[in-house]
Amino acid sequence: MSRVEIRWHKSSFSADPEGNCIELASHEGDVLMRESDEPSAVMKITPAKLGAFLASTKAGKLDGIA
């Protein structure tokens, strides 16, 4: 089995001095997400579902859930 190189991207807006933030990568048509301080835990999501999540977040629909 061959190993695939994943190129992770961190936001340029990440202000955490330790560099902890959400990182994204594209792989086989899906989006991979992970927290930089726990890189072994990776979540896979479709671009459409990520877009819906981001739109809901921006619209404030997820305020107060945490």
C-alpha atoms as a PDB file:
ATOM      1  CA  MET A   1       0.000   0.000   0.000  1.00  0.00           C
ATOM      2  CA  SER A   2       1.456   3.380  -0.990  1.00  0.00           C
ATOM      3  CA  ARG A   3       1.379   6.388   1.279  1.00  0.00           C
ATOM      4  CA  VAL A   4      -0.310   9.579   0.020  1.00  0.00           C
ATOM      5  CA  GLU A   5       1.249  12.937   0.841  1.00  0.00           C
ATOM      6  CA  ILE A   6      -1.399  15.307   2.229  1.00  0.00           C
ATOM      7  CA  ARG A   7      -0.687  19.055   2.040  1.00  0.00           C
ATOM      8  CA  TRP A   8      -2.289  20.739   5.047  1.00  0.00           C
ATOM      9  CA  HIS A   9      -3.168  24.443   4.936  1.00  0.00           C
ATOM     10  CA  LYS A  10      -3.395  26.672   7.983  1.00  0.00           C
ATOM     11  CA  SER A  11      -5.217  30.001   7.937  1.00  0.00           C
ATOM     12  CA  SER A  12      -3.043  33.079   7.636  1.00  0.00           C
ATOM     13  CA  PHE A  13      -5.381  34.609  10.251  1.00  0.00           C
ATOM     14  CA  SER A  14      -4.268  32.132  12.918  1.00  0.00           C
ATOM     15  CA  ALA A  15      -3.132  34.353  15.775  1.00  0.00           C
ATOM     16  CA  ASP A  16      -2.357  31.594  18.276  1.00  0.00           C
ATOM     17  CA  PRO A  17       1.318  32.002  19.273  1.00  0.00           C
ATOM     18  CA  GLU A  18       1.695  28.212  19.385  1.00  0.00           C
ATOM     19  CA  GLY A  19       0.105  27.883  15.944  1.00  0.00           C
ATOM     20  CA  ASN A  20      -2.871  25.800  17.107  1.00  0.00           C
ATOM     21  CA  CYS A  21      -5.782  26.059  14.699  1.00  0.00           C
ATOM     22  CA  ILE A  22      -7.895  24.139  12.222  1.00  0.00           C
ATOM     23  CA  GLU A  23      -6.025  22.881   9.173  1.00  0.00           C
ATOM     24  CA  LEU A  24      -7.617  21.857   5.867  1.00  0.00           C
ATOM     25  CA  ALA A  25      -6.490  19.665   2.994  1.00  0.00           C
ATOM     26  CA  SER A  26      -8.051  18.404  -0.211  1.00  0.00           C
ATOM     27  CA  HIS A  27      -7.970  14.689  -1.011  1.00  0.00           C
ATOM     28  CA  GLU A  28      -9.847  12.761  -3.693  1.00  0.00           C
ATOM     29  CA  GLY A  29     -12.650  15.335  -3.937  1.00  0.00           C
ATOM     30  CA  ASP A  30     -13.219  15.601  -0.191  1.00  0.00           C
ATOM     31  CA  VAL A  31     -12.010  18.090   2.392  1.00  0.00           C
ATOM     32  CA  LEU A  32      -9.951  16.839   5.323  1.00  0.00           C
ATOM     33  CA  MET A  33      -9.973  18.790   8.595  1.00  0.00           C
ATOM     34  CA  ARG A  34      -7.849  18.461  11.712  1.00  0.00           C
ATOM     35  CA  GLU A  35      -6.722  20.478  14.714  1.00  0.00           C
ATOM     36  CA  SER A  36      -3.038  21.263  14.528  1.00  0.00           C
ATOM     37  CA  ASP A  37      -2.559  20.323  18.203  1.00  0.00           C
ATOM     38  CA  GLU A  38      -4.091  16.845  17.564  1.00  0.00           C
ATOM     39  CA  PRO A  39      -3.047  15.999  13.992  1.00  0.00           C
ATOM     40  CA  SER A  40      -3.874  12.283  14.160  1.00  0.00           C
ATOM     41  CA  ALA A  41      -7.632  12.994  14.452  1.00  0.00           C
ATOM     42  CA  VAL A  42      -8.786  13.758  10.911  1.00  0.00           C
ATOM     43  CA  MET A  43     -12.363  14.412   9.795  1.00  0.00           C
ATOM     44  CA  LYS A  44     -13.454  13.967   6.171  1.00  0.00           C
ATOM     45  CA  ILE A  45     -16.300  16.090   4.764  1.00  0.00           C
ATOM     46  CA  THR A  46     -17.635  16.938   1.316  1.00  0.00           C
ATOM     47  CA  PRO A  47     -17.082  20.463  -0.015  1.00  0.00           C
ATOM     48  CA  ALA A  48     -20.880  21.003  -0.102  1.00  0.00           C
ATOM     49  CA  LYS A  49     -21.314  20.048   3.554  1.00  0.00           C
ATOM     50  CA  LEU A  50     -18.374  22.219   4.579  1.00  0.00           C
ATOM     51  CA  GLY A  51     -19.922  25.119   2.642  1.00  0.00           C
ATOM     52  CA  ALA A  52     -23.243  24.629   4.422  1.00  0.00           C
ATOM     53  CA  PHE A  53     -21.491  24.500   7.806  1.00  0.00           C
ATOM     54  CA  LEU A  54     -19.564  27.714   7.087  1.00  0.00           C
ATOM     55  CA  ALA A  55     -22.703  29.495   5.843  1.00  0.00           C
ATOM     56  CA  SER A  56     -24.580  28.481   9.009  1.00  0.00           C
ATOM     57  CA  THR A  57     -21.706  29.672  11.162  1.00  0.00           C
ATOM     58  CA  LYS A  58     -21.495  33.030   9.398  1.00  0.00           C
ATOM     59  CA  ALA A  59     -25.274  33.486   9.706  1.00  0.00           C
ATOM     60  CA  GLY A  60     -25.084  32.908  13.477  1.00  0.00           C
ATOM     61  CA  LYS A  61     -27.218  29.765  13.355  1.00  0.00           C
ATOM     62  CA  LEU A  62     -24.736  27.893  15.556  1.00  0.00           C
ATOM     63  CA  ASP A  63     -24.341  30.580  18.203  1.00  0.00           C
ATOM     64  CA  GLY A  64     -24.808  29.281  21.718  1.00  0.00           C
ATOM     65  CA  ILE A  65     -24.253  25.573  21.048  1.00  0.00           C
ATOM     66  CA  ALA A  66     -20.922  25.389  22.827  1.00  0.00           C
END
